[in-house]
Amino acid sequence: MSLAARIRLAQKRGLSLPAARTLARLSTPKAIQDFLVDFPQNFEPEGDTARSVEQALKHRRAHCIEGAMVAAFALWLQGHPPLLLDFSAHQDMDHVIAPFRVNGKWGAISKTNYVCLRWRDPVYRSVRELAMSYFHEYAKGPRKTLRSYSKPYDLSRLPPEKWVNNPKDCWEIADLITATRHYDIVNDAEAKALRHRDDVEVRSDKITVFPIPKWKHQRL
């Protein structure tokens, strides 16, 4: 599909022309990930947000679920279904990624400010394999916190005003993926027996793409 055709398709699916041009230029999953790595982090200075694709691009910043929706839409323009996959964690924040398949293998695009929970090449044979690749690095301090992953949720079943061009926060999307069936990764006994991360692993958490504002540190 040509660039002009992708722009028209993005507009048909609810984006403004400037936003459509931005995402239509991304022609591969790798290009989407590169775009999100450089896209400013949303530290939510005015409070919690769940911005639509249009609003994330308009404000020029995103956190994980916002970045995942941007990625899902961009993947949709490339012929992939616009999927979200939710990770549920114990005493830690959930994380959302945009999974995709190439030649039958699963990969994922992820918006994160940290070393962990990033891009996955499409080499995984199942969604579970993909999810398990995040297990050892999904952590808070020394604790490994990932407990379950969701069935991929297809955003194409929803109208554009829910997630593409919603001028308000898309809390309904967050609720939908949270309510989607989740699959356990470890049971209680296995969770209690997990080895804590060592000091080198914990120190790696200080490496970020964008500096964390001082006020954000005070809230954590």
N, C-alpha and C. Protein backbone atom coordinates (compact mmCIF):
# COMPACT_ATOMS: atom_id res chain seq x y z
N MET A 1 0.84 -1.19 0.00
CA MET A 1 0.00 0.00 0.00
C MET A 1 0.88 1.25 0.00
N SER A 2 0.55 2.22 -0.82
CA SER A 2 1.34 3.44 -0.92
C SER A 2 1.14 4.32 0.31
N LEU A 3 2.05 5.28 0.48
CA LEU A 3 1.94 6.22 1.58
C LEU A 3 0.62 7.00 1.50
N ALA A 4 0.27 7.46 0.30
CA ALA A 4 -0.97 8.22 0.13
C ALA A 4 -2.18 7.37 0.51
N ALA A 5 -2.15 6.09 0.17
CA ALA A 5 -3.26 5.20 0.50
C ALA A 5 -3.35 4.98 2.01
N ARG A 6 -2.19 4.87 2.68
CA ARG A 6 -2.21 4.70 4.14
C ARG A 6 -2.73 5.96 4.82
N ILE A 7 -2.38 7.12 4.29
CA ILE A 7 -2.89 8.38 4.85
C ILE A 7 -4.41 8.42 4.73
N ARG A 8 -4.93 8.08 3.58
CA ARG A 8 -6.38 8.08 3.38
C ARG A 8 -7.05 7.08 4.31
N LEU A 9 -6.43 5.91 4.47
CA LEU A 9 -7.00 4.89 5.35
C LEU A 9 -7.01 5.36 6.80
N ALA A 10 -5.92 6.02 7.23
CA ALA A 10 -5.85 6.53 8.60
C ALA A 10 -6.93 7.57 8.85
N GLN A 11 -7.18 8.43 7.87
CA GLN A 11 -8.25 9.41 8.00
C GLN A 11 -9.62 8.73 8.05
N LYS A 12 -9.82 7.74 7.20
CA LYS A 12 -11.08 7.01 7.17
C LYS A 12 -11.34 6.34 8.52
N ARG A 13 -10.26 5.94 9.20
CA ARG A 13 -10.39 5.26 10.49
C ARG A 13 -10.40 6.23 11.67
N GLY A 14 -10.43 7.55 11.39
CA GLY A 14 -10.69 8.49 12.45
C GLY A 14 -9.64 9.52 12.79
N LEU A 15 -8.46 9.46 12.18
CA LEU A 15 -7.41 10.41 12.52
C LEU A 15 -7.52 11.68 11.68
N SER A 16 -7.06 12.79 12.28
CA SER A 16 -6.93 14.03 11.53
C SER A 16 -5.81 13.87 10.51
N LEU A 17 -5.75 14.76 9.53
CA LEU A 17 -4.74 14.66 8.49
C LEU A 17 -3.31 14.72 9.05
N PRO A 18 -2.97 15.66 9.96
CA PRO A 18 -1.61 15.68 10.49
C PRO A 18 -1.23 14.38 11.20
N ALA A 19 -2.15 13.84 12.01
CA ALA A 19 -1.87 12.59 12.72
C ALA A 19 -1.77 11.43 11.74
N ALA A 20 -2.64 11.44 10.73
CA ALA A 20 -2.61 10.39 9.72
C ALA A 20 -1.27 10.37 8.99
N ARG A 21 -0.77 11.55 8.65
CA ARG A 21 0.52 11.63 7.97
C ARG A 21 1.65 11.08 8.84
N THR A 22 1.59 11.38 10.13
CA THR A 22 2.64 10.93 11.05
C THR A 22 2.70 9.41 11.11
N LEU A 23 1.56 8.75 11.30
CA LEU A 23 1.58 7.30 11.48
C LEU A 23 1.67 6.56 10.15
N ALA A 24 1.16 7.14 9.07
CA ALA A 24 1.22 6.48 7.77
C ALA A 24 2.66 6.36 7.27
N ARG A 25 3.54 7.23 7.73
CA ARG A 25 4.95 7.17 7.32
C ARG A 25 5.68 5.97 7.93
N LEU A 26 5.09 5.37 8.96
CA LEU A 26 5.71 4.23 9.63
C LEU A 26 5.29 2.96 8.89
N SER A 27 6.19 2.38 8.14
CA SER A 27 5.82 1.31 7.21
C SER A 27 6.11 -0.10 7.71
N THR A 28 6.78 -0.23 8.87
CA THR A 28 7.09 -1.55 9.43
C THR A 28 6.91 -1.51 10.95
N PRO A 29 6.75 -2.67 11.59
CA PRO A 29 6.71 -2.68 13.06
C PRO A 29 7.96 -2.07 13.68
N LYS A 30 9.13 -2.33 13.09
CA LYS A 30 10.37 -1.73 13.62
C LYS A 30 10.30 -0.22 13.59
N ALA A 31 9.76 0.35 12.53
CA ALA A 31 9.66 1.81 12.42
C ALA A 31 8.72 2.37 13.48
N ILE A 32 7.67 1.64 13.79
CA ILE A 32 6.75 2.09 14.85
C ILE A 32 7.48 2.11 16.18
N GLN A 33 8.24 1.04 16.46
CA GLN A 33 8.97 1.00 17.73
C GLN A 33 10.00 2.12 17.81
N ASP A 34 10.72 2.37 16.73
CA ASP A 34 11.71 3.46 16.73
C ASP A 34 11.03 4.80 16.99
N PHE A 35 9.87 4.99 16.41
CA PHE A 35 9.10 6.23 16.62
C PHE A 35 8.74 6.37 18.10
N LEU A 36 8.29 5.29 18.73
CA LEU A 36 7.86 5.37 20.13
C LEU A 36 9.04 5.52 21.09
N VAL A 37 10.18 4.97 20.74
CA VAL A 37 11.36 5.15 21.60
C VAL A 37 11.70 6.63 21.74
N ASP A 38 11.62 7.36 20.63
CA ASP A 38 11.96 8.78 20.61
C ASP A 38 10.79 9.68 21.01
N PHE A 39 9.60 9.12 21.08
CA PHE A 39 8.41 9.91 21.42
C PHE A 39 8.45 10.23 22.91
N PRO A 40 8.31 11.51 23.30
CA PRO A 40 8.45 11.89 24.71
C PRO A 40 7.56 11.09 25.65
N GLN A 41 8.10 10.82 26.84
CA GLN A 41 7.37 10.07 27.86
C GLN A 41 6.32 10.96 28.52
N ASN A 42 5.13 10.42 28.71
CA ASN A 42 4.08 11.12 29.43
C ASN A 42 4.23 10.81 30.92
N PHE A 43 4.74 11.76 31.68
CA PHE A 43 4.87 11.58 33.12
C PHE A 43 3.61 12.01 33.88
N GLU A 44 2.57 12.37 33.14
CA GLU A 44 1.27 12.75 33.70
C GLU A 44 1.37 13.87 34.75
N PRO A 45 1.93 15.00 34.38
CA PRO A 45 2.09 16.10 35.35
C PRO A 45 0.77 16.65 35.87
N GLU A 46 -0.30 16.51 35.06
CA GLU A 46 -1.60 17.02 35.49
C GLU A 46 -2.49 15.93 36.08
N GLY A 47 -1.96 14.73 36.27
CA GLY A 47 -2.75 13.61 36.78
C GLY A 47 -2.85 12.49 35.77
N ASP A 48 -3.46 11.39 36.16
CA ASP A 48 -3.54 10.19 35.33
C ASP A 48 -4.26 10.47 34.00
N THR A 49 -3.73 9.89 32.94
CA THR A 49 -4.33 10.04 31.61
C THR A 49 -4.41 8.69 30.91
N ALA A 50 -5.30 8.59 29.95
CA ALA A 50 -5.40 7.44 29.05
C ALA A 50 -5.83 7.99 27.70
N ARG A 51 -4.93 8.71 27.07
CA ARG A 51 -5.27 9.47 25.87
C ARG A 51 -5.43 8.57 24.65
N SER A 52 -6.33 8.99 23.77
CA SER A 52 -6.55 8.32 22.50
C SER A 52 -5.34 8.51 21.60
N VAL A 53 -5.35 7.82 20.47
CA VAL A 53 -4.26 7.95 19.50
C VAL A 53 -4.10 9.41 19.07
N GLU A 54 -5.20 10.03 18.70
CA GLU A 54 -5.18 11.43 18.25
C GLU A 54 -4.63 12.35 19.35
N GLN A 55 -5.09 12.18 20.57
CA GLN A 55 -4.69 13.07 21.66
C GLN A 55 -3.23 12.84 22.07
N ALA A 56 -2.77 11.60 22.03
CA ALA A 56 -1.36 11.33 22.34
C ALA A 56 -0.45 12.03 21.33
N LEU A 57 -0.82 11.95 20.06
CA LEU A 57 -0.02 12.62 19.03
C LEU A 57 -0.12 14.14 19.15
N LYS A 58 -1.29 14.63 19.50
CA LYS A 58 -1.48 16.07 19.66
C LYS A 58 -0.65 16.62 20.81
N HIS A 59 -0.62 15.89 21.95
CA HIS A 59 0.14 16.35 23.12
C HIS A 59 1.62 15.99 23.03
N ARG A 60 1.97 15.16 22.06
CA ARG A 60 3.35 14.73 21.84
C ARG A 60 3.99 14.12 23.07
N ARG A 61 3.27 13.22 23.70
CA ARG A 61 3.84 12.40 24.76
C ARG A 61 2.89 11.24 25.04
N ALA A 62 3.46 10.14 25.57
CA ALA A 62 2.65 8.95 25.82
C ALA A 62 3.32 8.08 26.88
N HIS A 63 2.49 7.34 27.62
CA HIS A 63 3.00 6.27 28.48
C HIS A 63 2.56 4.94 27.88
N CYS A 64 2.62 3.85 28.64
CA CYS A 64 2.54 2.53 28.02
C CYS A 64 1.25 2.26 27.27
N ILE A 65 0.08 2.46 27.88
CA ILE A 65 -1.16 2.13 27.18
C ILE A 65 -1.42 3.11 26.04
N GLU A 66 -1.03 4.38 26.23
CA GLU A 66 -1.19 5.35 25.15
C GLU A 66 -0.29 4.99 23.98
N GLY A 67 0.95 4.63 24.28
CA GLY A 67 1.87 4.21 23.23
C GLY A 67 1.41 2.93 22.56
N ALA A 68 0.84 2.02 23.33
CA ALA A 68 0.35 0.76 22.76
C ALA A 68 -0.82 1.02 21.80
N MET A 69 -1.69 1.97 22.12
CA MET A 69 -2.80 2.29 21.21
C MET A 69 -2.27 2.95 19.93
N VAL A 70 -1.28 3.83 20.07
CA VAL A 70 -0.66 4.43 18.89
C VAL A 70 -0.05 3.33 18.02
N ALA A 71 0.68 2.40 18.65
CA ALA A 71 1.30 1.31 17.91
C ALA A 71 0.27 0.41 17.25
N ALA A 72 -0.81 0.10 17.98
CA ALA A 72 -1.85 -0.77 17.43
C ALA A 72 -2.48 -0.14 16.19
N PHE A 73 -2.72 1.17 16.26
CA PHE A 73 -3.31 1.84 15.10
C PHE A 73 -2.34 1.83 13.92
N ALA A 74 -1.07 2.12 14.18
CA ALA A 74 -0.07 2.12 13.11
C ALA A 74 0.09 0.72 12.50
N LEU A 75 0.04 -0.31 13.34
CA LEU A 75 0.08 -1.68 12.83
C LEU A 75 -1.14 -1.98 11.97
N TRP A 76 -2.28 -1.44 12.35
CA TRP A 76 -3.52 -1.62 11.60
C TRP A 76 -3.38 -1.09 10.18
N LEU A 77 -2.69 0.03 10.03
CA LEU A 77 -2.45 0.60 8.71
C LEU A 77 -1.55 -0.30 7.86
N GLN A 78 -0.77 -1.14 8.52
CA GLN A 78 0.13 -2.05 7.82
C GLN A 78 -0.51 -3.40 7.53
N GLY A 79 -1.78 -3.56 7.92
CA GLY A 79 -2.49 -4.81 7.65
C GLY A 79 -2.57 -5.77 8.81
N HIS A 80 -1.99 -5.39 9.97
CA HIS A 80 -2.10 -6.20 11.17
C HIS A 80 -3.37 -5.83 11.93
N PRO A 81 -3.97 -6.75 12.69
CA PRO A 81 -5.07 -6.35 13.56
C PRO A 81 -4.54 -5.45 14.68
N PRO A 82 -5.32 -4.46 15.13
CA PRO A 82 -4.86 -3.56 16.20
C PRO A 82 -5.10 -4.19 17.57
N LEU A 83 -4.08 -4.87 18.08
CA LEU A 83 -4.22 -5.64 19.32
C LEU A 83 -3.54 -4.97 20.50
N LEU A 84 -4.12 -5.17 21.69
CA LEU A 84 -3.49 -4.79 22.95
C LEU A 84 -3.39 -6.03 23.82
N LEU A 85 -2.28 -6.15 24.55
CA LEU A 85 -2.09 -7.25 25.49
C LEU A 85 -1.71 -6.65 26.83
N ASP A 86 -2.43 -7.05 27.86
CA ASP A 86 -2.25 -6.50 29.21
C ASP A 86 -1.45 -7.45 30.08
N PHE A 87 -0.49 -6.91 30.81
CA PHE A 87 0.23 -7.66 31.83
C PHE A 87 -0.26 -7.21 33.20
N SER A 88 -0.59 -8.17 34.05
CA SER A 88 -1.03 -7.87 35.41
C SER A 88 0.09 -8.24 36.38
N ALA A 89 0.37 -7.32 37.30
CA ALA A 89 1.50 -7.50 38.21
C ALA A 89 1.06 -7.44 39.67
N HIS A 90 1.88 -8.01 40.55
CA HIS A 90 1.61 -8.02 41.98
C HIS A 90 2.33 -6.86 42.66
N GLN A 91 1.56 -5.97 43.28
CA GLN A 91 2.12 -4.79 43.95
C GLN A 91 3.05 -4.02 43.02
N ASP A 92 2.59 -3.84 41.81
CA ASP A 92 3.35 -3.13 40.79
C ASP A 92 2.36 -2.66 39.73
N MET A 93 2.79 -1.77 38.86
CA MET A 93 1.92 -1.27 37.81
C MET A 93 1.74 -2.29 36.69
N ASP A 94 0.53 -2.36 36.12
CA ASP A 94 0.32 -3.17 34.93
C ASP A 94 1.05 -2.52 33.76
N HIS A 95 1.22 -3.30 32.70
CA HIS A 95 1.87 -2.80 31.49
C HIS A 95 1.08 -3.29 30.30
N VAL A 96 1.04 -2.50 29.23
CA VAL A 96 0.29 -2.85 28.03
C VAL A 96 1.21 -2.77 26.82
N ILE A 97 1.14 -3.78 25.96
CA ILE A 97 1.95 -3.81 24.75
C ILE A 97 1.04 -4.01 23.53
N ALA A 98 1.60 -3.80 22.35
CA ALA A 98 0.88 -4.04 21.10
C ALA A 98 1.51 -5.23 20.39
N PRO A 99 0.93 -6.42 20.51
CA PRO A 99 1.50 -7.60 19.86
C PRO A 99 1.16 -7.65 18.37
N PHE A 100 1.99 -8.34 17.62
CA PHE A 100 1.74 -8.52 16.19
C PHE A 100 2.38 -9.83 15.75
N ARG A 101 1.97 -10.33 14.58
CA ARG A 101 2.53 -11.57 14.05
C ARG A 101 3.15 -11.37 12.67
N VAL A 102 4.29 -12.00 12.46
CA VAL A 102 4.95 -12.02 11.15
C VAL A 102 5.31 -13.47 10.86
N ASN A 103 4.83 -13.99 9.74
CA ASN A 103 5.10 -15.38 9.37
C ASN A 103 4.72 -16.35 10.49
N GLY A 104 3.61 -16.05 11.16
CA GLY A 104 3.10 -16.94 12.20
C GLY A 104 3.76 -16.80 13.55
N LYS A 105 4.77 -15.95 13.69
CA LYS A 105 5.47 -15.77 14.96
C LYS A 105 5.08 -14.42 15.58
N TRP A 106 5.02 -14.40 16.91
CA TRP A 106 4.59 -13.21 17.64
C TRP A 106 5.76 -12.32 18.05
N GLY A 107 5.56 -11.02 17.95
CA GLY A 107 6.47 -10.01 18.47
C GLY A 107 5.64 -8.94 19.15
N ALA A 108 6.28 -7.87 19.63
CA ALA A 108 5.53 -6.84 20.33
C ALA A 108 6.23 -5.50 20.27
N ILE A 109 5.41 -4.45 20.23
CA ILE A 109 5.87 -3.07 20.34
C ILE A 109 5.49 -2.57 21.72
N SER A 110 6.40 -1.86 22.37
CA SER A 110 6.16 -1.44 23.75
C SER A 110 6.71 -0.03 23.97
N LYS A 111 5.92 0.79 24.64
CA LYS A 111 6.36 2.13 25.05
C LYS A 111 6.73 2.08 26.53
N THR A 112 8.01 2.28 26.80
CA THR A 112 8.47 2.30 28.19
C THR A 112 9.65 3.24 28.30
N ASN A 113 9.85 3.79 29.47
CA ASN A 113 10.96 4.70 29.71
C ASN A 113 12.18 3.98 30.26
N TYR A 114 12.05 2.67 30.51
CA TYR A 114 13.10 1.94 31.20
C TYR A 114 13.78 0.91 30.29
N VAL A 115 14.82 0.28 30.81
CA VAL A 115 15.55 -0.74 30.08
C VAL A 115 14.66 -1.95 29.81
N CYS A 116 13.82 -2.28 30.75
CA CYS A 116 13.02 -3.49 30.65
C CYS A 116 11.71 -3.28 29.88
N LEU A 117 11.02 -4.36 29.59
CA LEU A 117 9.68 -4.36 29.00
C LEU A 117 9.63 -3.65 27.65
N ARG A 118 10.62 -3.92 26.81
CA ARG A 118 10.71 -3.20 25.55
C ARG A 118 10.28 -4.07 24.36
N TRP A 119 10.69 -3.69 23.18
CA TRP A 119 10.38 -4.38 21.92
C TRP A 119 10.71 -5.87 21.99
N ARG A 120 9.90 -6.67 21.29
CA ARG A 120 10.20 -8.09 21.11
C ARG A 120 10.15 -8.42 19.62
N ASP A 121 11.22 -9.02 19.11
CA ASP A 121 11.24 -9.46 17.73
C ASP A 121 10.21 -10.57 17.53
N PRO A 122 9.63 -10.68 16.32
CA PRO A 122 8.61 -11.71 16.08
C PRO A 122 9.23 -13.09 15.88
N VAL A 123 9.62 -13.72 17.01
CA VAL A 123 10.23 -15.05 16.98
C VAL A 123 9.51 -16.03 17.92
N TYR A 124 8.43 -15.58 18.56
CA TYR A 124 7.76 -16.39 19.56
C TYR A 124 6.58 -17.15 18.96
N ARG A 125 6.47 -18.43 19.29
CA ARG A 125 5.49 -19.29 18.64
C ARG A 125 4.06 -19.10 19.15
N SER A 126 3.91 -18.48 20.30
CA SER A 126 2.59 -18.30 20.88
C SER A 126 2.57 -17.01 21.70
N VAL A 127 1.36 -16.58 22.04
CA VAL A 127 1.23 -15.41 22.92
C VAL A 127 1.86 -15.70 24.27
N ARG A 128 1.71 -16.93 24.75
CA ARG A 128 2.31 -17.27 26.04
C ARG A 128 3.84 -17.17 25.98
N GLU A 129 4.43 -17.69 24.93
CA GLU A 129 5.89 -17.55 24.79
C GLU A 129 6.29 -16.09 24.80
N LEU A 130 5.55 -15.26 24.08
CA LEU A 130 5.83 -13.83 24.06
C LEU A 130 5.74 -13.24 25.46
N ALA A 131 4.66 -13.55 26.17
CA ALA A 131 4.48 -13.02 27.52
C ALA A 131 5.58 -13.49 28.46
N MET A 132 5.97 -14.76 28.36
CA MET A 132 6.99 -15.29 29.26
C MET A 132 8.34 -14.62 29.05
N SER A 133 8.57 -14.07 27.85
CA SER A 133 9.84 -13.40 27.59
C SER A 133 10.01 -12.15 28.44
N TYR A 134 8.91 -11.65 29.00
CA TYR A 134 8.97 -10.46 29.84
C TYR A 134 9.11 -10.80 31.33
N PHE A 135 9.02 -12.07 31.70
CA PHE A 135 8.88 -12.42 33.12
C PHE A 135 10.05 -11.97 33.98
N HIS A 136 11.27 -12.29 33.60
CA HIS A 136 12.39 -12.03 34.49
C HIS A 136 12.74 -10.56 34.62
N GLU A 137 12.38 -9.74 33.65
CA GLU A 137 12.70 -8.32 33.76
C GLU A 137 11.53 -7.48 34.26
N TYR A 138 10.36 -8.07 34.37
CA TYR A 138 9.20 -7.34 34.90
C TYR A 138 9.35 -7.34 36.42
N ALA A 139 9.77 -6.22 36.96
CA ALA A 139 10.14 -6.21 38.38
C ALA A 139 9.96 -4.83 38.99
N LYS A 140 9.91 -4.82 40.30
CA LYS A 140 9.91 -3.58 41.07
C LYS A 140 10.95 -3.74 42.16
N GLY A 141 12.04 -2.97 42.04
CA GLY A 141 13.15 -3.19 42.97
C GLY A 141 13.68 -4.60 42.77
N PRO A 142 13.88 -5.34 43.83
CA PRO A 142 14.41 -6.70 43.70
C PRO A 142 13.34 -7.75 43.36
N ARG A 143 12.06 -7.39 43.43
CA ARG A 143 10.98 -8.37 43.28
C ARG A 143 10.53 -8.54 41.84
N LYS A 144 10.39 -9.77 41.39
CA LYS A 144 9.78 -10.07 40.10
C LYS A 144 8.26 -10.08 40.31
N THR A 145 7.56 -9.26 39.54
CA THR A 145 6.17 -8.97 39.89
C THR A 145 5.12 -9.44 38.88
N LEU A 146 5.52 -9.86 37.69
CA LEU A 146 4.55 -10.26 36.67
C LEU A 146 3.82 -11.53 37.10
N ARG A 147 2.49 -11.51 36.99
CA ARG A 147 1.69 -12.66 37.43
C ARG A 147 0.79 -13.23 36.34
N SER A 148 0.31 -12.41 35.41
CA SER A 148 -0.57 -12.94 34.38
C SER A 148 -0.54 -12.05 33.15
N TYR A 149 -1.03 -12.60 32.04
CA TYR A 149 -1.14 -11.85 30.79
C TYR A 149 -2.52 -12.09 30.21
N SER A 150 -2.97 -11.16 29.40
CA SER A 150 -4.33 -11.25 28.87
C SER A 150 -4.36 -11.88 27.49
N LYS A 151 -5.53 -12.32 27.10
CA LYS A 151 -5.79 -12.65 25.71
C LYS A 151 -5.70 -11.34 24.92
N PRO A 152 -5.07 -11.32 23.76
CA PRO A 152 -5.01 -10.07 22.99
C PRO A 152 -6.41 -9.52 22.69
N TYR A 153 -6.55 -8.23 22.91
CA TYR A 153 -7.85 -7.58 22.68
C TYR A 153 -7.79 -6.82 21.36
N ASP A 154 -8.73 -7.10 20.47
CA ASP A 154 -8.77 -6.49 19.14
C ASP A 154 -9.55 -5.17 19.18
N LEU A 155 -8.85 -4.06 19.04
CA LEU A 155 -9.49 -2.75 19.11
C LEU A 155 -10.37 -2.45 17.90
N SER A 156 -10.24 -3.23 16.82
CA SER A 156 -11.05 -2.95 15.64
C SER A 156 -12.53 -3.23 15.88
N ARG A 157 -12.84 -3.93 16.98
CA ARG A 157 -14.24 -4.19 17.29
C ARG A 157 -14.93 -2.96 17.88
N LEU A 158 -14.15 -1.94 18.21
CA LEU A 158 -14.70 -0.73 18.82
C LEU A 158 -14.77 0.40 17.79
N PRO A 159 -15.72 1.32 17.95
CA PRO A 159 -15.78 2.48 17.06
C PRO A 159 -14.61 3.42 17.32
N PRO A 160 -14.19 4.19 16.30
CA PRO A 160 -13.03 5.09 16.45
C PRO A 160 -13.15 6.07 17.61
N GLU A 161 -14.37 6.52 17.90
CA GLU A 161 -14.54 7.51 18.96
C GLU A 161 -14.21 6.96 20.35
N LYS A 162 -14.03 5.65 20.45
CA LYS A 162 -13.66 5.05 21.74
C LYS A 162 -12.17 5.14 22.01
N TRP A 163 -11.34 5.06 20.92
CA TRP A 163 -9.90 4.98 21.16
C TRP A 163 -9.03 5.72 20.15
N VAL A 164 -9.56 5.99 18.96
CA VAL A 164 -8.76 6.65 17.93
C VAL A 164 -8.80 8.16 18.09
N ASN A 165 -9.99 8.74 18.15
CA ASN A 165 -10.11 10.20 18.20
C ASN A 165 -10.92 10.71 19.38
N ASN A 166 -11.00 9.91 20.43
CA ASN A 166 -11.71 10.33 21.64
C ASN A 166 -11.02 11.56 22.23
N PRO A 167 -11.73 12.68 22.39
CA PRO A 167 -11.09 13.88 22.96
C PRO A 167 -10.87 13.76 24.47
N LYS A 168 -11.51 12.76 25.09
CA LYS A 168 -11.37 12.55 26.53
C LYS A 168 -10.52 11.31 26.79
N ASP A 169 -10.22 11.07 28.05
CA ASP A 169 -9.41 9.90 28.40
C ASP A 169 -10.17 8.60 28.10
N CYS A 170 -9.44 7.61 27.64
CA CYS A 170 -10.03 6.33 27.21
C CYS A 170 -10.01 5.31 28.35
N TRP A 171 -10.61 5.67 29.47
CA TRP A 171 -10.60 4.75 30.60
C TRP A 171 -11.36 3.47 30.29
N GLU A 172 -12.33 3.54 29.39
CA GLU A 172 -13.09 2.34 29.02
C GLU A 172 -12.18 1.30 28.39
N ILE A 173 -11.18 1.75 27.64
CA ILE A 173 -10.25 0.80 27.02
C ILE A 173 -9.43 0.10 28.10
N ALA A 174 -8.96 0.86 29.07
CA ALA A 174 -8.21 0.27 30.18
C ALA A 174 -9.06 -0.75 30.92
N ASP A 175 -10.33 -0.42 31.13
CA ASP A 175 -11.23 -1.35 31.83
C ASP A 175 -11.47 -2.61 31.00
N LEU A 176 -11.62 -2.45 29.69
CA LEU A 176 -11.89 -3.60 28.82
C LEU A 176 -10.73 -4.59 28.81
N ILE A 177 -9.51 -4.09 28.70
CA ILE A 177 -8.39 -5.03 28.65
C ILE A 177 -8.10 -5.63 30.02
N THR A 178 -8.40 -4.88 31.08
CA THR A 178 -8.24 -5.43 32.43
C THR A 178 -9.24 -6.56 32.66
N ALA A 179 -10.44 -6.40 32.10
CA ALA A 179 -11.49 -7.40 32.27
C ALA A 179 -11.36 -8.59 31.32
N THR A 180 -10.50 -8.46 30.29
CA THR A 180 -10.30 -9.56 29.35
C THR A 180 -9.68 -10.75 30.08
N ARG A 181 -9.98 -11.93 29.60
CA ARG A 181 -9.44 -13.14 30.24
C ARG A 181 -7.93 -13.06 30.37
N HIS A 182 -7.45 -13.36 31.57
CA HIS A 182 -6.02 -13.39 31.84
C HIS A 182 -5.58 -14.82 32.16
N TYR A 183 -4.32 -15.10 31.86
CA TYR A 183 -3.75 -16.43 32.08
C TYR A 183 -2.60 -16.32 33.08
N ASP A 184 -2.64 -17.15 34.12
CA ASP A 184 -1.61 -17.10 35.15
C ASP A 184 -0.26 -17.54 34.60
N ILE A 185 0.78 -16.89 35.10
CA ILE A 185 2.16 -17.25 34.74
C ILE A 185 2.80 -18.08 35.85
N VAL A 186 2.55 -17.69 37.09
CA VAL A 186 3.05 -18.45 38.25
C VAL A 186 1.93 -18.61 39.25
N ASN A 187 2.00 -19.70 40.04
CA ASN A 187 1.05 -19.86 41.14
C ASN A 187 1.65 -19.27 42.41
N ASP A 188 0.91 -19.30 43.49
CA ASP A 188 1.35 -18.67 44.73
C ASP A 188 2.65 -19.29 45.25
N ALA A 189 2.75 -20.61 45.20
CA ALA A 189 3.96 -21.27 45.71
C ALA A 189 5.18 -20.90 44.87
N GLU A 190 5.00 -20.87 43.56
CA GLU A 190 6.11 -20.49 42.69
C GLU A 190 6.51 -19.04 42.91
N ALA A 191 5.53 -18.18 43.14
CA ALA A 191 5.82 -16.76 43.37
C ALA A 191 6.65 -16.57 44.63
N LYS A 192 6.34 -17.33 45.68
CA LYS A 192 7.09 -17.22 46.94
C LYS A 192 8.52 -17.71 46.80
N ALA A 193 8.76 -18.60 45.86
CA ALA A 193 10.09 -19.19 45.71
C ALA A 193 10.98 -18.44 44.72
N LEU A 194 10.47 -17.37 44.12
CA LEU A 194 11.26 -16.65 43.11
C LEU A 194 12.51 -16.02 43.72
N ARG A 195 13.61 -16.11 43.00
CA ARG A 195 14.84 -15.45 43.43
C ARG A 195 14.73 -13.96 43.17
N HIS A 196 15.15 -13.15 44.12
CA HIS A 196 15.17 -11.71 43.92
C HIS A 196 16.25 -11.32 42.92
N ARG A 197 16.03 -10.22 42.24
CA ARG A 197 17.05 -9.69 41.34
C ARG A 197 18.26 -9.24 42.16
N ASP A 198 19.44 -9.33 41.55
CA ASP A 198 20.64 -8.90 42.27
C ASP A 198 20.86 -7.40 42.10
N ASP A 199 21.91 -6.88 42.72
CA ASP A 199 22.14 -5.43 42.76
C ASP A 199 22.36 -4.84 41.37
N VAL A 200 23.04 -5.57 40.49
CA VAL A 200 23.27 -5.06 39.15
C VAL A 200 21.95 -4.88 38.41
N GLU A 201 21.07 -5.87 38.53
CA GLU A 201 19.77 -5.78 37.88
C GLU A 201 18.95 -4.61 38.43
N VAL A 202 18.98 -4.43 39.72
CA VAL A 202 18.23 -3.34 40.34
C VAL A 202 18.78 -1.99 39.89
N ARG A 203 20.10 -1.87 39.80
CA ARG A 203 20.71 -0.61 39.39
C ARG A 203 20.35 -0.25 37.95
N SER A 204 20.06 -1.26 37.13
CA SER A 204 19.70 -0.98 35.74
C SER A 204 18.40 -0.19 35.63
N ASP A 205 17.58 -0.21 36.67
CA ASP A 205 16.32 0.54 36.67
C ASP A 205 16.55 2.05 36.61
N LYS A 206 17.76 2.48 36.92
CA LYS A 206 18.05 3.91 36.91
C LYS A 206 18.34 4.44 35.50
N ILE A 207 18.48 3.52 34.55
CA ILE A 207 18.72 3.93 33.16
C ILE A 207 17.37 4.19 32.51
N THR A 208 17.16 5.41 32.03
CA THR A 208 15.89 5.78 31.41
C THR A 208 16.13 6.49 30.08
N VAL A 209 15.14 6.45 29.22
CA VAL A 209 15.21 7.16 27.96
C VAL A 209 15.08 8.66 28.19
N PHE A 210 14.10 9.05 29.01
CA PHE A 210 13.86 10.44 29.36
C PHE A 210 14.05 10.63 30.86
N PRO A 211 14.74 11.67 31.29
CA PRO A 211 14.94 11.89 32.73
C PRO A 211 13.61 11.99 33.47
N ILE A 212 13.53 11.34 34.61
CA ILE A 212 12.31 11.39 35.41
C ILE A 212 12.30 12.70 36.20
N PRO A 213 11.25 13.50 36.08
CA PRO A 213 11.20 14.78 36.82
C PRO A 213 11.29 14.55 38.33
N LYS A 214 11.87 15.51 39.02
CA LYS A 214 12.02 15.38 40.48
C LYS A 214 10.68 15.20 41.17
N TRP A 215 9.65 15.93 40.70
CA TRP A 215 8.34 15.80 41.33
C TRP A 215 7.77 14.40 41.18
N LYS A 216 8.13 13.72 40.08
CA LYS A 216 7.65 12.35 39.85
C LYS A 216 8.32 11.40 40.83
N HIS A 217 9.62 11.59 41.09
CA HIS A 217 10.33 10.77 42.08
C HIS A 217 9.67 10.89 43.44
N GLN A 218 9.23 12.10 43.79
CA GLN A 218 8.64 12.32 45.10
C GLN A 218 7.30 11.61 45.25
N ARG A 219 6.60 11.39 44.14
CA ARG A 219 5.30 10.71 44.19
C ARG A 219 5.45 9.19 44.22
N LEU A 220 6.59 8.67 43.70
CA LEU A 220 6.77 7.23 43.61
C LEU A 220 6.96 6.60 44.97
